């Protein structure tokens, strides 16, 4: 059995009106018209091998834990101190 989820999105009013008109003409719910459209126009995902899935996962995970720069750069005290130093330097010039 397929799990059902709620999906909410904003669409232009004219798009909604078109779906609403189609649903009304066919005595159906707008949700069913939209779902039918999505199912009909979905792009099938190409099947990949387990080896390819593992290769992609490892390539993605190589980026875990990598950081370039100061790990504490977003701390307010450090930012404040940097601003004070910069401001004082300009005052002395």
C-alpha atoms as a PDB file:
ATOM      1  CA  UNK A   1       0.000   0.000   0.000  1.00  0.00           C
ATOM      2  CA  UNK A   2       1.273   3.445  -0.902  1.00  0.00           C
ATOM      3  CA  UNK A   3       1.684   5.901   1.930  1.00  0.00           C
ATOM      4  CA  UNK A   4      -0.332   9.098   1.465  1.00  0.00           C
ATOM      5  CA  UNK A   5       0.997  12.486   2.456  1.00  0.00           C
ATOM      6  CA  UNK A   6      -0.490  15.963   2.411  1.00  0.00           C
ATOM      7  CA  UNK A   7       1.069  18.237  -0.178  1.00  0.00           C
ATOM      8  CA  UNK A   8       0.282  21.951  -0.160  1.00  0.00           C
ATOM      9  CA  UNK A   9       1.591  24.445  -2.688  1.00  0.00           C
ATOM     10  CA  UNK A  10       0.855  27.917  -3.975  1.00  0.00           C
ATOM     11  CA  UNK A  11      -0.101  28.143  -7.632  1.00  0.00           C
ATOM     12  CA  UNK A  12      -1.158  31.041  -9.823  1.00  0.00           C
ATOM     13  CA  UNK A  13      -4.885  31.660  -9.616  1.00  0.00           C
ATOM     14  CA  UNK A  14      -5.401  30.994 -13.332  1.00  0.00           C
ATOM     15  CA  UNK A  15      -3.835  27.554 -12.949  1.00  0.00           C
ATOM     16  CA  UNK A  16      -6.099  26.742 -10.037  1.00  0.00           C
ATOM     17  CA  UNK A  17      -9.132  28.006 -11.962  1.00  0.00           C
ATOM     18  CA  UNK A  18      -8.268  25.740 -14.894  1.00  0.00           C
ATOM     19  CA  UNK A  19      -8.039  22.721 -12.591  1.00  0.00           C
ATOM     20  CA  UNK A  20     -11.245  23.776 -10.871  1.00  0.00           C
ATOM     21  CA  UNK A  21     -13.103  24.066 -14.201  1.00  0.00           C
ATOM     22  CA  UNK A  22     -11.874  20.644 -15.330  1.00  0.00           C
ATOM     23  CA  UNK A  23     -12.891  19.112 -12.019  1.00  0.00           C
ATOM     24  CA  UNK A  24     -16.327  20.711 -12.189  1.00  0.00           C
ATOM     25  CA  UNK A  25     -16.879  19.588 -15.780  1.00  0.00           C
ATOM     26  CA  UNK A  26     -15.972  16.019 -14.817  1.00  0.00           C
ATOM     27  CA  UNK A  27     -17.774  16.049 -11.435  1.00  0.00           C
ATOM     28  CA  UNK A  28     -14.496  15.389  -9.661  1.00  0.00           C
ATOM     29  CA  UNK A  29     -12.484  16.962  -6.871  1.00  0.00           C
ATOM     30  CA  UNK A  30      -9.788  19.481  -7.794  1.00  0.00           C
ATOM     31  CA  UNK A  31      -7.302  17.386  -5.804  1.00  0.00           C
ATOM     32  CA  UNK A  32      -8.035  14.354  -8.001  1.00  0.00           C
ATOM     33  CA  UNK A  33      -7.583  16.332 -11.210  1.00  0.00           C
ATOM     34  CA  UNK A  34      -4.244  17.704 -10.018  1.00  0.00           C
ATOM     35  CA  UNK A  35      -3.086  14.269  -8.799  1.00  0.00           C
ATOM     36  CA  UNK A  36      -3.972  12.697 -12.143  1.00  0.00           C
ATOM     37  CA  UNK A  37      -1.984  15.387 -13.938  1.00  0.00           C
ATOM     38  CA  UNK A  38       1.048  14.901 -11.698  1.00  0.00           C
ATOM     39  CA  UNK A  39       0.988  11.132 -12.116  1.00  0.00           C
ATOM     40  CA  UNK A  40       0.610  11.408 -15.879  1.00  0.00           C
ATOM     41  CA  UNK A  41       3.472  13.887 -16.243  1.00  0.00           C
ATOM     42  CA  UNK A  42       5.995  12.608 -13.745  1.00  0.00           C
ATOM     43  CA  UNK A  43       9.417  11.726 -15.049  1.00  0.00           C
ATOM     44  CA  UNK A  44      10.466   8.219 -14.180  1.00  0.00           C
ATOM     45  CA  UNK A  45      13.705   8.051 -12.243  1.00  0.00           C
ATOM     46  CA  UNK A  46      16.337   5.939 -13.908  1.00  0.00           C
ATOM     47  CA  UNK A  47      17.133   2.806 -11.957  1.00  0.00           C
ATOM     48  CA  UNK A  48      20.643   2.725 -10.535  1.00  0.00           C
ATOM     49  CA  UNK A  49      22.632  -0.196  -9.312  1.00  0.00           C
ATOM     50  CA  UNK A  50      23.448  -0.730  -5.661  1.00  0.00           C
ATOM     51  CA  UNK A  51      27.104  -0.045  -6.488  1.00  0.00           C
ATOM     52  CA  UNK A  52      26.192   3.309  -8.070  1.00  0.00           C
ATOM     53  CA  UNK A  53      24.000   4.220  -5.088  1.00  0.00           C
ATOM     54  CA  UNK A  54      26.903   3.440  -2.756  1.00  0.00           C
ATOM     55  CA  UNK A  55      29.329   5.469  -4.903  1.00  0.00           C
ATOM     56  CA  UNK A  56      26.979   8.475  -4.833  1.00  0.00           C
ATOM     57  CA  UNK A  57      26.495   8.170  -1.085  1.00  0.00           C
ATOM     58  CA  UNK A  58      30.247   8.069  -0.469  1.00  0.00           C
ATOM     59  CA  UNK A  59      30.824  11.052  -2.772  1.00  0.00           C
ATOM     60  CA  UNK A  60      28.184  12.999  -0.847  1.00  0.00           C
ATOM     61  CA  UNK A  61      29.479  11.956   2.572  1.00  0.00           C
ATOM     62  CA  UNK A  62      33.022  13.089   1.732  1.00  0.00           C
ATOM     63  CA  UNK A  63      31.730  16.599   2.347  1.00  0.00           C
ATOM     64  CA  UNK A  64      30.493  15.824   5.872  1.00  0.00           C
ATOM     65  CA  UNK A  65      32.454  17.632   8.547  1.00  0.00           C
ATOM     66  CA  UNK A  66      34.352  19.835   6.141  1.00  0.00           C
ATOM     67  CA  UNK A  67      34.605  23.470   7.018  1.00  0.00           C
ATOM     68  CA  UNK A  68      36.836  26.204   5.772  1.00  0.00           C
ATOM     69  CA  UNK A  69      37.187  29.253   7.968  1.00  0.00           C
ATOM     70  CA  UNK A  70      36.732  30.219  11.573  1.00  0.00           C
ATOM     71  CA  UNK A  71      34.294  27.859  13.295  1.00  0.00           C
ATOM     72  CA  UNK A  72      33.450  30.602  15.775  1.00  0.00           C
ATOM     73  CA  UNK A  73      32.912  33.362  13.205  1.00  0.00           C
ATOM     74  CA  UNK A  74      29.229  33.683  14.023  1.00  0.00           C
ATOM     75  CA  UNK A  75      29.713  34.306  17.732  1.00  0.00           C
ATOM     76  CA  UNK A  76      28.447  37.764  18.664  1.00  0.00           C
ATOM     77  CA  UNK A  77      31.331  38.575  21.006  1.00  0.00           C
ATOM     78  CA  UNK A  78      33.879  37.882  18.289  1.00  0.00           C
ATOM     79  CA  UNK A  79      31.947  39.919  15.754  1.00  0.00           C
ATOM     80  CA  UNK A  80      31.652  42.801  18.209  1.00  0.00           C
ATOM     81  CA  UNK A  81      35.390  42.691  18.939  1.00  0.00           C
ATOM     82  CA  UNK A  82      36.183  42.705  15.211  1.00  0.00           C
ATOM     83  CA  UNK A  83      33.922  45.717  14.682  1.00  0.00           C
ATOM     84  CA  UNK A  84      35.514  47.616  17.580  1.00  0.00           C
ATOM     85  CA  UNK A  85      39.029  46.911  16.239  1.00  0.00           C
ATOM     86  CA  UNK A  86      37.994  48.011  12.756  1.00  0.00           C
ATOM     87  CA  UNK A  87      36.300  51.159  14.033  1.00  0.00           C
ATOM     88  CA  UNK A  88      39.249  52.094  16.277  1.00  0.00           C
ATOM     89  CA  UNK A  89      41.660  51.578  13.404  1.00  0.00           C
ATOM     90  CA  UNK A  90      39.745  54.028  11.247  1.00  0.00           C
ATOM     91  CA  UNK A  91      39.608  56.597  14.059  1.00  0.00           C
ATOM     92  CA  UNK A  92      43.408  56.545  14.445  1.00  0.00           C
ATOM     93  CA  UNK A  93      44.054  57.187  10.757  1.00  0.00           C
END
